Amino acid sequence: MKTMTMKTLAATSLLALGAGAGQADEPLAYTNEIAPGVYSFGGGNGYHSMFLVTDEGVVAIETINSAHSEKMIEAIKDVSDQPIKFALHSHNHWDHASGGGVFQAAGAETVMHTLAAQYIQANPGQDTSSPDIVWEGDRYDIEIGGLTVEHHYLGLNHGLGMTVYVVPEKRVAYIADLVTPDRIGFNIMPDFNIGEWERSLGEILELDFDVAVCSHTGLSAEEAPNGCTKTHVAEEKQFIGDLRGAIFAEFQNGTPADQIPATVELPQYAEWSGYDEWLEMNAGRVMLDIWMGPYPWIPES
């Protein structure tokens, strides 16, 4: 029997989640100012972070891992001599919640929702660290330099404690994993609830921002450093609806369930990164949600 070690499994998952199947360009390394004092950061690994510079210190969002964090600290020092006050973790997945120790060593306090913190405490990764600040509920704010960094927990969707960050004064946001512009998502993680993901996207559209940094993207090398927008959020939500509709149509046509994932086509998304490689996988996951029901099932209110 062929087995896969946890280290190999983790490496395979990180490759898929970070670089992305079918991604046209090599992962980008960059620092770009997307709003006054707000920077997008690409670590050259398929992951994108954000940091906010104020006259009272710096807030870094999404540490990813130690190597990424070290590069982000270098990028911060290139544009500011302000101390790094906070480093924020969006959720519990190791490929996003690692590297906090690098920021802690640099004097920052790390921040995480309690559901994510509980998971990390019970299931520490090789590169994770316990957060300094743990918050609970649906909302938490950090006030710094006359700005508010809003933490929005939108409930069940992807991972544990998934937090969307908004700085309303700058009209910017940070969105991890829930929105992957111009790219077919990686939806087969066991803690990815498709219906609640769709609901969360609708709630993100109501938040107070114009431009965001998305942790993964299929945008071009020219576009990616400028971040994503609500148009991309709406397109992600539309993709889920279109995929579900195509699957329903196949059920109505009498297509056997096990043949539906390979049968479904969505030509309007053919130019998205990962379309040829991941559409069938996405269709399989959504088909199973329709055919057998999602877990957990949440009745509509």
C-alpha atoms as a PDB file:
ATOM      1  CA  MET A   1       0.000   0.000   0.000  1.00  0.00           C
ATOM      2  CA  LYS A   2       1.316   3.443  -0.946  1.00  0.00           C
ATOM      3  CA  THR A   3       1.227   5.915   1.928  1.00  0.00           C
ATOM      4  CA  MET A   4       1.813   9.650   2.137  1.00  0.00           C
ATOM      5  CA  THR A   5       3.528  11.157   5.159  1.00  0.00           C
ATOM      6  CA  MET A   6       2.119  14.242   6.845  1.00  0.00           C
ATOM      7  CA  LYS A   7       5.136  16.226   5.620  1.00  0.00           C
ATOM      8  CA  THR A   8       4.591  15.106   2.023  1.00  0.00           C
ATOM      9  CA  LEU A   9       0.854  15.737   2.270  1.00  0.00           C
ATOM     10  CA  ALA A  10       1.453  19.206   3.657  1.00  0.00           C
ATOM     11  CA  ALA A  11       3.956  20.025   0.934  1.00  0.00           C
ATOM     12  CA  THR A  12       1.583  18.818  -1.778  1.00  0.00           C
ATOM     13  CA  SER A  13      -1.303  20.834  -0.359  1.00  0.00           C
ATOM     14  CA  LEU A  14       0.812  23.957  -0.034  1.00  0.00           C
ATOM     15  CA  LEU A  15       1.950  23.667  -3.632  1.00  0.00           C
ATOM     16  CA  ALA A  16      -1.636  23.369  -4.810  1.00  0.00           C
ATOM     17  CA  LEU A  17      -2.957  26.154  -2.624  1.00  0.00           C
ATOM     18  CA  GLY A  18      -0.113  28.576  -3.149  1.00  0.00           C
ATOM     19  CA  ALA A  19       1.068  28.424  -6.738  1.00  0.00           C
ATOM     20  CA  GLY A  20      -2.190  27.103  -8.132  1.00  0.00           C
ATOM     21  CA  ALA A  21      -2.783  24.669 -10.938  1.00  0.00           C
ATOM     22  CA  GLY A  22      -2.476  26.237 -14.329  1.00  0.00           C
ATOM     23  CA  GLN A  23      -1.276  29.574 -13.005  1.00  0.00           C
ATOM     24  CA  ALA A  24       0.284  31.365 -15.964  1.00  0.00           C
ATOM     25  CA  ASP A  25       2.976  33.313 -14.145  1.00  0.00           C
ATOM     26  CA  GLU A  26       5.581  32.410 -11.582  1.00  0.00           C
ATOM     27  CA  PRO A  27       4.553  33.452  -8.044  1.00  0.00           C
ATOM     28  CA  LEU A  28       5.275  37.144  -7.598  1.00  0.00           C
ATOM     29  CA  ALA A  29       7.645  38.848  -5.184  1.00  0.00           C
ATOM     30  CA  TYR A  30       6.691  42.507  -4.783  1.00  0.00           C
ATOM     31  CA  THR A  31       5.684  45.348  -2.478  1.00  0.00           C
ATOM     32  CA  ASN A  32       3.073  47.773  -3.797  1.00  0.00           C
ATOM     33  CA  GLU A  33       1.266  50.708  -2.191  1.00  0.00           C
ATOM     34  CA  ILE A  34      -2.445  50.178  -2.908  1.00  0.00           C
ATOM     35  CA  ALA A  35      -3.648  53.108  -0.768  1.00  0.00           C
ATOM     36  CA  PRO A  36      -1.746  55.759   1.205  1.00  0.00           C
ATOM     37  CA  GLY A  37       0.255  53.821   3.799  1.00  0.00           C
ATOM     38  CA  VAL A  38      -1.257  50.454   2.816  1.00  0.00           C
ATOM     39  CA  TYR A  39       0.864  47.904   0.976  1.00  0.00           C
ATOM     40  CA  SER A  40       0.239  44.602  -0.735  1.00  0.00           C
ATOM     41  CA  PHE A  41       3.103  42.123  -0.427  1.00  0.00           C
ATOM     42  CA  GLY A  42       3.884  39.060  -2.509  1.00  0.00           C
ATOM     43  CA  GLY A  43       6.360  36.617  -1.030  1.00  0.00           C
ATOM     44  CA  GLY A  44       7.283  34.891  -4.282  1.00  0.00           C
ATOM     45  CA  ASN A  45       5.431  31.790  -3.101  1.00  0.00           C
ATOM     46  CA  GLY A  46       1.879  32.262  -4.397  1.00  0.00           C
ATOM     47  CA  TYR A  47       0.743  33.950  -1.174  1.00  0.00           C
ATOM     48  CA  HIS A  48      -0.150  37.620  -0.808  1.00  0.00           C
ATOM     49  CA  SER A  49      -0.168  39.607   2.435  1.00  0.00           C
ATOM     50  CA  MET A  50      -0.857  43.210   3.407  1.00  0.00           C
ATOM     51  CA  PHE A  51       0.627  45.693   5.834  1.00  0.00           C
ATOM     52  CA  LEU A  52      -0.511  49.062   7.116  1.00  0.00           C
ATOM     53  CA  VAL A  53       1.939  51.808   8.130  1.00  0.00           C
ATOM     54  CA  THR A  54       0.825  54.468  10.630  1.00  0.00           C
ATOM     55  CA  ASP A  55       2.633  57.025  12.772  1.00  0.00           C
ATOM     56  CA  GLU A  56       1.981  54.758  15.773  1.00  0.00           C
ATOM     57  CA  GLY A  57       3.324  51.569  14.233  1.00  0.00           C
ATOM     58  CA  VAL A  58       2.752  48.908  11.605  1.00  0.00           C
ATOM     59  CA  VAL A  59       0.075  46.222  11.331  1.00  0.00           C
ATOM     60  CA  ALA A  60       0.947  43.146   9.238  1.00  0.00           C
ATOM     61  CA  ILE A  61      -1.781  40.834   7.970  1.00  0.00           C
ATOM     62  CA  GLU A  62      -1.155  37.160   7.116  1.00  0.00           C
ATOM     63  CA  THR A  63       2.232  35.845   8.211  1.00  0.00           C
ATOM     64  CA  ILE A  64       2.027  32.629   6.097  1.00  0.00           C
ATOM     65  CA  ASN A  65       5.299  31.044   7.285  1.00  0.00           C
ATOM     66  CA  SER A  66       8.685  32.056   8.671  1.00  0.00           C
ATOM     67  CA  ALA A  67      10.366  32.582   5.300  1.00  0.00           C
ATOM     68  CA  HIS A  68       7.459  34.723   4.086  1.00  0.00           C
ATOM     69  CA  SER A  69       7.411  36.658   7.363  1.00  0.00           C
ATOM     70  CA  GLU A  70      11.127  37.408   7.211  1.00  0.00           C
ATOM     71  CA  LYS A  71      10.721  38.800   3.696  1.00  0.00           C
ATOM     72  CA  MET A  72       7.687  40.839   4.740  1.00  0.00           C
ATOM     73  CA  ILE A  73       9.578  42.374   7.654  1.00  0.00           C
ATOM     74  CA  GLU A  74      12.350  43.353   5.231  1.00  0.00           C
ATOM     75  CA  ALA A  75       9.730  44.931   2.955  1.00  0.00           C
ATOM     76  CA  ILE A  76       8.245  46.843   5.894  1.00  0.00           C
ATOM     77  CA  LYS A  77      11.678  48.164   6.886  1.00  0.00           C
ATOM     78  CA  ASP A  78      12.212  49.325   3.301  1.00  0.00           C
ATOM     79  CA  VAL A  79       9.259  51.729   3.548  1.00  0.00           C
ATOM     80  CA  SER A  80       9.064  52.600   7.256  1.00  0.00           C
ATOM     81  CA  ASP A  81      11.104  52.771  10.432  1.00  0.00           C
ATOM     82  CA  GLN A  82       7.967  52.433  12.575  1.00  0.00           C
ATOM     83  CA  PRO A  83       7.857  49.414  14.920  1.00  0.00           C
ATOM     84  CA  ILE A  84       5.654  46.483  13.956  1.00  0.00           C
ATOM     85  CA  LYS A  85       2.916  46.432  16.571  1.00  0.00           C
ATOM     86  CA  PHE A  86       0.590  43.651  15.403  1.00  0.00           C
ATOM     87  CA  ALA A  87       0.619  40.637  13.090  1.00  0.00           C
ATOM     88  CA  LEU A  88      -2.800  39.198  12.269  1.00  0.00           C
ATOM     89  CA  HIS A  89      -3.697  35.590  11.392  1.00  0.00           C
ATOM     90  CA  SER A  90      -6.867  35.131   9.302  1.00  0.00           C
ATOM     91  CA  HIS A  91      -7.660  31.498  10.200  1.00  0.00           C
ATOM     92  CA  ASN A  92      -6.288  28.203  11.461  1.00  0.00           C
ATOM     93  CA  HIS A  93      -4.857  26.562   8.345  1.00  0.00           C
ATOM     94  CA  TRP A  94      -1.134  25.989   8.803  1.00  0.00           C
ATOM     95  CA  ASP A  95      -0.287  27.464   5.411  1.00  0.00           C
ATOM     96  CA  HIS A  96      -1.623  30.823   6.633  1.00  0.00           C
ATOM     97  CA  ALA A  97      -1.185  30.659  10.416  1.00  0.00           C
ATOM     98  CA  SER A  98       2.540  29.876  10.490  1.00  0.00           C
ATOM     99  CA  GLY A  99       5.417  32.331  10.818  1.00  0.00           C
ATOM    100  CA  GLY A 100       3.967  34.330  13.697  1.00  0.00           C
ATOM    101  CA  GLY A 101       7.035  33.652  15.801  1.00  0.00           C
ATOM    102  CA  VAL A 102       9.144  35.748  13.436  1.00  0.00           C
ATOM    103  CA  PHE A 103       6.923  38.758  14.072  1.00  0.00           C
ATOM    104  CA  GLN A 104       6.824  38.052  17.806  1.00  0.00           C
ATOM    105  CA  ALA A 105      10.625  38.057  17.834  1.00  0.00           C
ATOM    106  CA  ALA A 106      10.472  41.446  16.097  1.00  0.00           C
ATOM    107  CA  GLY A 107       8.303  42.815  18.919  1.00  0.00           C
ATOM    108  CA  ALA A 108       4.825  42.421  17.431  1.00  0.00           C
ATOM    109  CA  GLU A 109       1.786  40.917  19.112  1.00  0.00           C
ATOM    110  CA  THR A 110       0.046  38.233  17.069  1.00  0.00           C
ATOM    111  CA  VAL A 111      -3.756  38.208  16.898  1.00  0.00           C
ATOM    112  CA  MET A 112      -6.161  35.371  16.096  1.00  0.00           C
ATOM    113  CA  HIS A 113      -9.852  34.504  16.522  1.00  0.00           C
ATOM    114  CA  THR A 114     -10.497  32.102  19.389  1.00  0.00           C
ATOM    115  CA  LEU A 115     -11.705  29.277  17.115  1.00  0.00           C
ATOM    116  CA  ALA A 116      -8.459  29.410  15.158  1.00  0.00           C
ATOM    117  CA  ALA A 117      -6.401  29.736  18.341  1.00  0.00           C
ATOM    118  CA  GLN A 118      -8.072  26.705  19.917  1.00  0.00           C
ATOM    119  CA  TYR A 119      -7.248  24.627  16.855  1.00  0.00           C
ATOM    120  CA  ILE A 120      -3.617  25.763  16.736  1.00  0.00           C
ATOM    121  CA  GLN A 121      -3.210  25.020  20.435  1.00  0.00           C
ATOM    122  CA  ALA A 122      -4.575  21.498  19.969  1.00  0.00           C
ATOM    123  CA  ASN A 123      -2.872  20.919  16.606  1.00  0.00           C
ATOM    124  CA  PRO A 124       0.349  22.947  16.476  1.00  0.00           C
ATOM    125  CA  GLY A 125       2.280  22.959  13.236  1.00  0.00           C
ATOM    126  CA  GLN A 126       6.052  22.954  12.930  1.00  0.00           C
ATOM    127  CA  ASP A 127       6.025  26.718  12.266  1.00  0.00           C
ATOM    128  CA  THR A 128       3.011  27.927  14.265  1.00  0.00           C
ATOM    129  CA  SER A 129       3.104  29.816  17.552  1.00  0.00           C
ATOM    130  CA  SER A 130       0.524  30.673  20.181  1.00  0.00           C
ATOM    131  CA  PRO A 131      -1.107  34.060  19.542  1.00  0.00           C
ATOM    132  CA  ASP A 132      -0.623  36.894  22.006  1.00  0.00           C
ATOM    133  CA  ILE A 133      -4.147  38.265  21.594  1.00  0.00           C
ATOM    134  CA  VAL A 134      -7.184  36.008  21.187  1.00  0.00           C
ATOM    135  CA  TRP A 135     -10.568  37.515  20.434  1.00  0.00           C
ATOM    136  CA  GLU A 136     -14.061  36.049  20.174  1.00  0.00           C
ATOM    137  CA  GLY A 137     -17.415  36.908  18.710  1.00  0.00           C
ATOM    138  CA  ASP A 138     -18.145  38.471  15.330  1.00  0.00           C
ATOM    139  CA  ARG A 139     -16.136  41.689  15.589  1.00  0.00           C
ATOM    140  CA  TYR A 140     -12.899  43.000  17.057  1.00  0.00           C
ATOM    141  CA  ASP A 141     -11.143  46.299  16.349  1.00  0.00           C
ATOM    142  CA  ILE A 142      -7.560  47.503  16.656  1.00  0.00           C
ATOM    143  CA  GLU A 143      -7.152  51.280  16.837  1.00  0.00           C
ATOM    144  CA  ILE A 144      -3.765  52.543  15.691  1.00  0.00           C
ATOM    145  CA  GLY A 145      -2.533  55.819  14.259  1.00  0.00           C
ATOM    146  CA  GLY A 146      -6.030  57.222  13.866  1.00  0.00           C
ATOM    147  CA  LEU A 147      -7.143  54.170  11.893  1.00  0.00           C
ATOM    148  CA  THR A 148      -9.349  51.193  12.721  1.00  0.00           C
ATOM    149  CA  VAL A 149      -8.455  47.683  11.652  1.00  0.00           C
ATOM    150  CA  GLU A 150     -11.812  45.916  11.727  1.00  0.00           C
ATOM    151  CA  HIS A 151     -11.798  42.143  12.259  1.00  0.00           C
ATOM    152  CA  HIS A 152     -14.941  40.533  10.806  1.00  0.00           C
ATOM    153  CA  TYR A 153     -15.707  36.905  11.672  1.00  0.00           C
ATOM    154  CA  LEU A 154     -18.439  35.839   9.254  1.00  0.00           C
ATOM    155  CA  GLY A 155     -19.131  32.429  10.756  1.00  0.00           C
ATOM    156  CA  LEU A 156     -18.765  29.026   9.168  1.00  0.00           C
ATOM    157  CA  ASN A 157     -17.230  29.049   5.680  1.00  0.00           C
ATOM    158  CA  HIS A 158     -13.589  27.975   5.316  1.00  0.00           C
ATOM    159  CA  GLY A 159     -11.364  26.838   8.152  1.00  0.00           C
ATOM    160  CA  LEU A 160     -11.871  27.970  11.731  1.00  0.00           C
ATOM    161  CA  GLY A 161     -12.119  31.575  12.836  1.00  0.00           C
ATOM    162  CA  MET A 162     -11.869  32.930   9.286  1.00  0.00           C
ATOM    163  CA  THR A 163     -11.490  36.693   9.592  1.00  0.00           C
ATOM    164  CA  VAL A 164     -11.868  39.377   6.927  1.00  0.00           C
ATOM    165  CA  TYR A 165     -10.035  42.623   7.729  1.00  0.00           C
ATOM    166  CA  VAL A 166     -11.240  46.088   6.747  1.00  0.00           C
ATOM    167  CA  VAL A 167      -9.620  49.504   7.247  1.00  0.00           C
ATOM    168  CA  PRO A 168     -12.565  51.781   6.434  1.00  0.00           C
ATOM    169  CA  GLU A 169     -10.586  55.025   6.566  1.00  0.00           C
ATOM    170  CA  LYS A 170      -8.438  53.696   3.709  1.00  0.00           C
ATOM    171  CA  ARG A 171     -11.289  51.718   2.093  1.00  0.00           C
ATOM    172  CA  VAL A 172      -9.094  48.631   1.927  1.00  0.00           C
ATOM    173  CA  ALA A 173      -9.600  45.022   3.018  1.00  0.00           C
ATOM    174  CA  TYR A 174      -7.732  41.744   3.299  1.00  0.00           C
ATOM    175  CA  ILE A 175      -9.488  38.522   2.240  1.00  0.00           C
ATOM    176  CA  ALA A 176      -7.874  35.124   2.730  1.00  0.00           C
ATOM    177  CA  ASP A 177      -8.890  32.107   0.612  1.00  0.00           C
ATOM    178  CA  LEU A 178     -12.556  33.068   0.158  1.00  0.00           C
ATOM    179  CA  VAL A 179     -11.906  35.058  -3.026  1.00  0.00           C
ATOM    180  CA  THR A 180      -9.389  33.954  -5.672  1.00  0.00           C
ATOM    181  CA  PRO A 181      -9.684  36.436  -8.560  1.00  0.00           C
ATOM    182  CA  ASP A 182      -9.658  34.952 -12.067  1.00  0.00           C
ATOM    183  CA  ARG A 183      -8.820  31.551 -10.653  1.00  0.00           C
ATOM    184  CA  ILE A 184     -10.778  28.370 -10.019  1.00  0.00           C
ATOM    185  CA  GLY A 185     -10.689  27.777  -6.273  1.00  0.00           C
ATOM    186  CA  PHE A 186      -9.429  24.779  -4.323  1.00  0.00           C
ATOM    187  CA  ASN A 187     -12.695  23.727  -2.688  1.00  0.00           C
ATOM    188  CA  ILE A 188     -12.141  20.171  -1.487  1.00  0.00           C
ATOM    189  CA  MET A 189     -10.786  20.930   1.986  1.00  0.00           C
ATOM    190  CA  PRO A 190     -12.985  19.101   4.512  1.00  0.00           C
ATOM    191  CA  ASP A 191     -13.740  22.323   6.411  1.00  0.00           C
ATOM    192  CA  PHE A 192     -14.870  24.278   3.334  1.00  0.00           C
ATOM    193  CA  ASN A 193     -18.670  24.646   3.486  1.00  0.00           C
ATOM    194  CA  ILE A 194     -19.827  25.671   0.017  1.00  0.00           C
ATOM    195  CA  GLY A 195     -23.184  27.175   0.971  1.00  0.00           C
ATOM    196  CA  GLU A 196     -21.727  29.167   3.854  1.00  0.00           C
ATOM    197  CA  TRP A 197     -18.867  30.301   1.616  1.00  0.00           C
ATOM    198  CA  GLU A 198     -21.488  31.670  -0.779  1.00  0.00           C
ATOM    199  CA  ARG A 199     -23.315  33.406   2.072  1.00  0.00           C
ATOM    200  CA  SER A 200     -20.058  34.899   3.340  1.00  0.00           C
ATOM    201  CA  LEU A 201     -19.252  36.325  -0.080  1.00  0.00           C
ATOM    202  CA  GLY A 202     -22.565  38.156  -0.002  1.00  0.00           C
ATOM    203  CA  GLU A 203     -21.659  39.622   3.389  1.00  0.00           C
ATOM    204  CA  ILE A 204     -18.194  40.637   2.169  1.00  0.00           C
ATOM    205  CA  LEU A 205     -19.869  42.639  -0.587  1.00  0.00           C
ATOM    206  CA  GLU A 206     -21.558  44.706   2.134  1.00  0.00           C
ATOM    207  CA  LEU A 207     -18.291  45.625   3.876  1.00  0.00           C
ATOM    208  CA  ASP A 208     -16.791  49.105   3.577  1.00  0.00           C
ATOM    209  CA  PHE A 209     -13.922  48.826   1.078  1.00  0.00           C
ATOM    210  CA  ASP A 210     -13.034  49.482  -2.547  1.00  0.00           C
ATOM    211  CA  VAL A 211      -9.825  47.485  -2.967  1.00  0.00           C
ATOM    212  CA  ALA A 212      -8.555  44.404  -1.153  1.00  0.00           C
ATOM    213  CA  VAL A 213      -5.599  42.077  -1.064  1.00  0.00           C
ATOM    214  CA  CYS A 214      -6.636  38.482  -1.742  1.00  0.00           C
ATOM    215  CA  SER A 215      -4.302  35.801  -0.416  1.00  0.00           C
ATOM    216  CA  HIS A 216      -4.317  33.910  -3.741  1.00  0.00           C
ATOM    217  CA  THR A 217      -4.995  35.209  -7.222  1.00  0.00           C
ATOM    218  CA  GLY A 218      -5.033  34.308 -10.876  1.00  0.00           C
ATOM    219  CA  LEU A 219      -4.569  37.916 -11.922  1.00  0.00           C
ATOM    220  CA  SER A 220      -1.659  38.800 -14.189  1.00  0.00           C
ATOM    221  CA  ALA A 221       1.726  39.945 -12.932  1.00  0.00           C
ATOM    222  CA  GLU A 222       0.724  43.484 -13.848  1.00  0.00           C
ATOM    223  CA  GLU A 223      -2.644  43.355 -12.070  1.00  0.00           C
ATOM    224  CA  ALA A 224      -1.983  41.219  -8.979  1.00  0.00           C
ATOM    225  CA  PRO A 225       0.037  43.777  -6.958  1.00  0.00           C
ATOM    226  CA  ASN A 226      -2.886  46.207  -7.220  1.00  0.00           C
ATOM    227  CA  GLY A 227      -5.149  43.810  -5.331  1.00  0.00           C
ATOM    228  CA  CYS A 228      -8.718  42.721  -5.967  1.00  0.00           C
ATOM    229  CA  THR A 229     -12.092  44.474  -5.844  1.00  0.00           C
ATOM    230  CA  LYS A 230     -15.736  43.804  -5.062  1.00  0.00           C
ATOM    231  CA  THR A 231     -16.142  42.876  -8.713  1.00  0.00           C
ATOM    232  CA  HIS A 232     -13.941  39.848  -8.030  1.00  0.00           C
ATOM    233  CA  VAL A 233     -15.972  39.004  -4.920  1.00  0.00           C
ATOM    234  CA  ALA A 234     -19.165  39.117  -6.980  1.00  0.00           C
ATOM    235  CA  GLU A 235     -17.575  36.991  -9.717  1.00  0.00           C
ATOM    236  CA  GLU A 236     -16.561  34.360  -7.150  1.00  0.00           C
ATOM    237  CA  LYS A 237     -20.132  34.233  -5.870  1.00  0.00           C
ATOM    238  CA  GLN A 238     -21.476  34.046  -9.427  1.00  0.00           C
ATOM    239  CA  PHE A 239     -19.131  31.164 -10.218  1.00  0.00           C
ATOM    240  CA  ILE A 240     -20.550  29.114  -7.346  1.00  0.00           C
ATOM    241  CA  GLY A 241     -24.092  29.789  -8.527  1.00  0.00           C
ATOM    242  CA  ASP A 242     -23.257  28.975 -12.143  1.00  0.00           C
ATOM    243  CA  LEU A 243     -21.513  25.757 -11.153  1.00  0.00           C
ATOM    244  CA  ARG A 244     -24.438  24.678  -8.993  1.00  0.00           C
ATOM    245  CA  GLY A 245     -26.870  25.488 -11.817  1.00  0.00           C
ATOM    246  CA  ALA A 246     -24.875  23.430 -14.324  1.00  0.00           C
ATOM    247  CA  ILE A 247     -24.835  20.484 -11.928  1.00  0.00           C
ATOM    248  CA  PHE A 248     -28.593  20.717 -11.328  1.00  0.00           C
ATOM    249  CA  ALA A 249     -29.090  20.712 -15.096  1.00  0.00           C
ATOM    250  CA  GLU A 250     -27.112  17.479 -15.398  1.00  0.00           C
ATOM    251  CA  PHE A 251     -29.215  15.850 -12.667  1.00  0.00           C
ATOM    252  CA  GLN A 252     -32.351  16.933 -14.531  1.00  0.00           C
ATOM    253  CA  ASN A 253     -30.920  15.474 -17.748  1.00  0.00           C
ATOM    254  CA  GLY A 254     -30.499  12.125 -16.014  1.00  0.00           C
ATOM    255  CA  THR A 255     -26.696  12.158 -15.999  1.00  0.00           C
ATOM    256  CA  PRO A 256     -25.412   9.638 -13.419  1.00  0.00           C
ATOM    257  CA  ALA A 257     -23.979  11.422 -10.397  1.00  0.00           C
ATOM    258  CA  ASP A 258     -20.523   9.914 -10.805  1.00  0.00           C
ATOM    259  CA  GLN A 259     -20.328  11.251 -14.371  1.00  0.00           C
ATOM    260  CA  ILE A 260     -21.456  14.792 -13.624  1.00  0.00           C
ATOM    261  CA  PRO A 261     -18.098  16.284 -12.517  1.00  0.00           C
ATOM    262  CA  ALA A 262     -16.416  15.342 -15.807  1.00  0.00           C
ATOM    263  CA  THR A 263     -19.455  16.425 -17.840  1.00  0.00           C
ATOM    264  CA  VAL A 264     -19.925  19.939 -16.488  1.00  0.00           C
ATOM    265  CA  GLU A 265     -18.503  22.784 -18.561  1.00  0.00           C
ATOM    266  CA  LEU A 266     -18.533  26.501 -17.785  1.00  0.00           C
ATOM    267  CA  PRO A 267     -16.993  28.121 -20.864  1.00  0.00           C
ATOM    268  CA  GLN A 268     -17.507  31.608 -19.464  1.00  0.00           C
ATOM    269  CA  TYR A 269     -14.733  30.800 -16.960  1.00  0.00           C
ATOM    270  CA  ALA A 270     -12.399  29.023 -19.388  1.00  0.00           C
ATOM    271  CA  GLU A 271      -9.826  31.810 -19.136  1.00  0.00           C
ATOM    272  CA  TRP A 272      -9.565  31.518 -15.367  1.00  0.00           C
ATOM    273  CA  SER A 273      -6.378  29.985 -14.036  1.00  0.00           C
ATOM    274  CA  GLY A 274      -6.901  26.328 -13.132  1.00  0.00           C
ATOM    275  CA  TYR A 275     -10.022  25.859 -15.269  1.00  0.00           C
ATOM    276  CA  ASP A 276      -8.775  22.715 -17.028  1.00  0.00           C
ATOM    277  CA  GLU A 277      -7.153  21.268 -13.917  1.00  0.00           C
ATOM    278  CA  TRP A 278      -9.631  22.105 -11.143  1.00  0.00           C
ATOM    279  CA  LEU A 279     -13.126  22.565 -12.597  1.00  0.00           C
ATOM    280  CA  GLU A 280     -13.888  18.846 -12.357  1.00  0.00           C
ATOM    281  CA  MET A 281     -12.688  18.791  -8.745  1.00  0.00           C
ATOM    282  CA  ASN A 282     -14.906  21.772  -7.898  1.00  0.00           C
ATOM    283  CA  ALA A 283     -17.863  20.195  -9.680  1.00  0.00           C
ATOM    284  CA  GLY A 284     -17.352  16.962  -7.767  1.00  0.00           C
ATOM    285  CA  ARG A 285     -17.429  18.725  -4.421  1.00  0.00           C
ATOM    286  CA  VAL A 286     -20.521  20.803  -5.214  1.00  0.00           C
ATOM    287  CA  MET A 287     -22.250  17.768  -6.749  1.00  0.00           C
ATOM    288  CA  LEU A 288     -21.736  15.809  -3.521  1.00  0.00           C
ATOM    289  CA  ASP A 289     -23.152  18.700  -1.501  1.00  0.00           C
ATOM    290  CA  ILE A 290     -26.281  18.606  -3.674  1.00  0.00           C
ATOM    291  CA  TRP A 291     -26.557  14.822  -3.874  1.00  0.00           C
ATOM    292  CA  MET A 292     -25.751  13.895  -0.273  1.00  0.00           C
ATOM    293  CA  GLY A 293     -25.929  17.200   1.581  1.00  0.00           C
ATOM    294  CA  PRO A 294     -23.194  19.394   3.065  1.00  0.00           C
ATOM    295  CA  TYR A 295     -21.770  18.991   6.539  1.00  0.00           C
ATOM    296  CA  PRO A 296     -22.781  20.685   8.631  1.00  0.00           C
ATOM    297  CA  TRP A 297     -26.092  21.508   6.997  1.00  0.00           C
ATOM    298  CA  ILE A 298     -27.341  24.984   7.920  1.00  0.00           C
ATOM    299  CA  PRO A 299     -31.056  25.654   7.266  1.00  0.00           C
ATOM    300  CA  GLU A 300     -31.868  28.951   5.591  1.00  0.00           C
ATOM    301  CA  SER A 301     -33.133  31.525   8.079  1.00  0.00           C
END
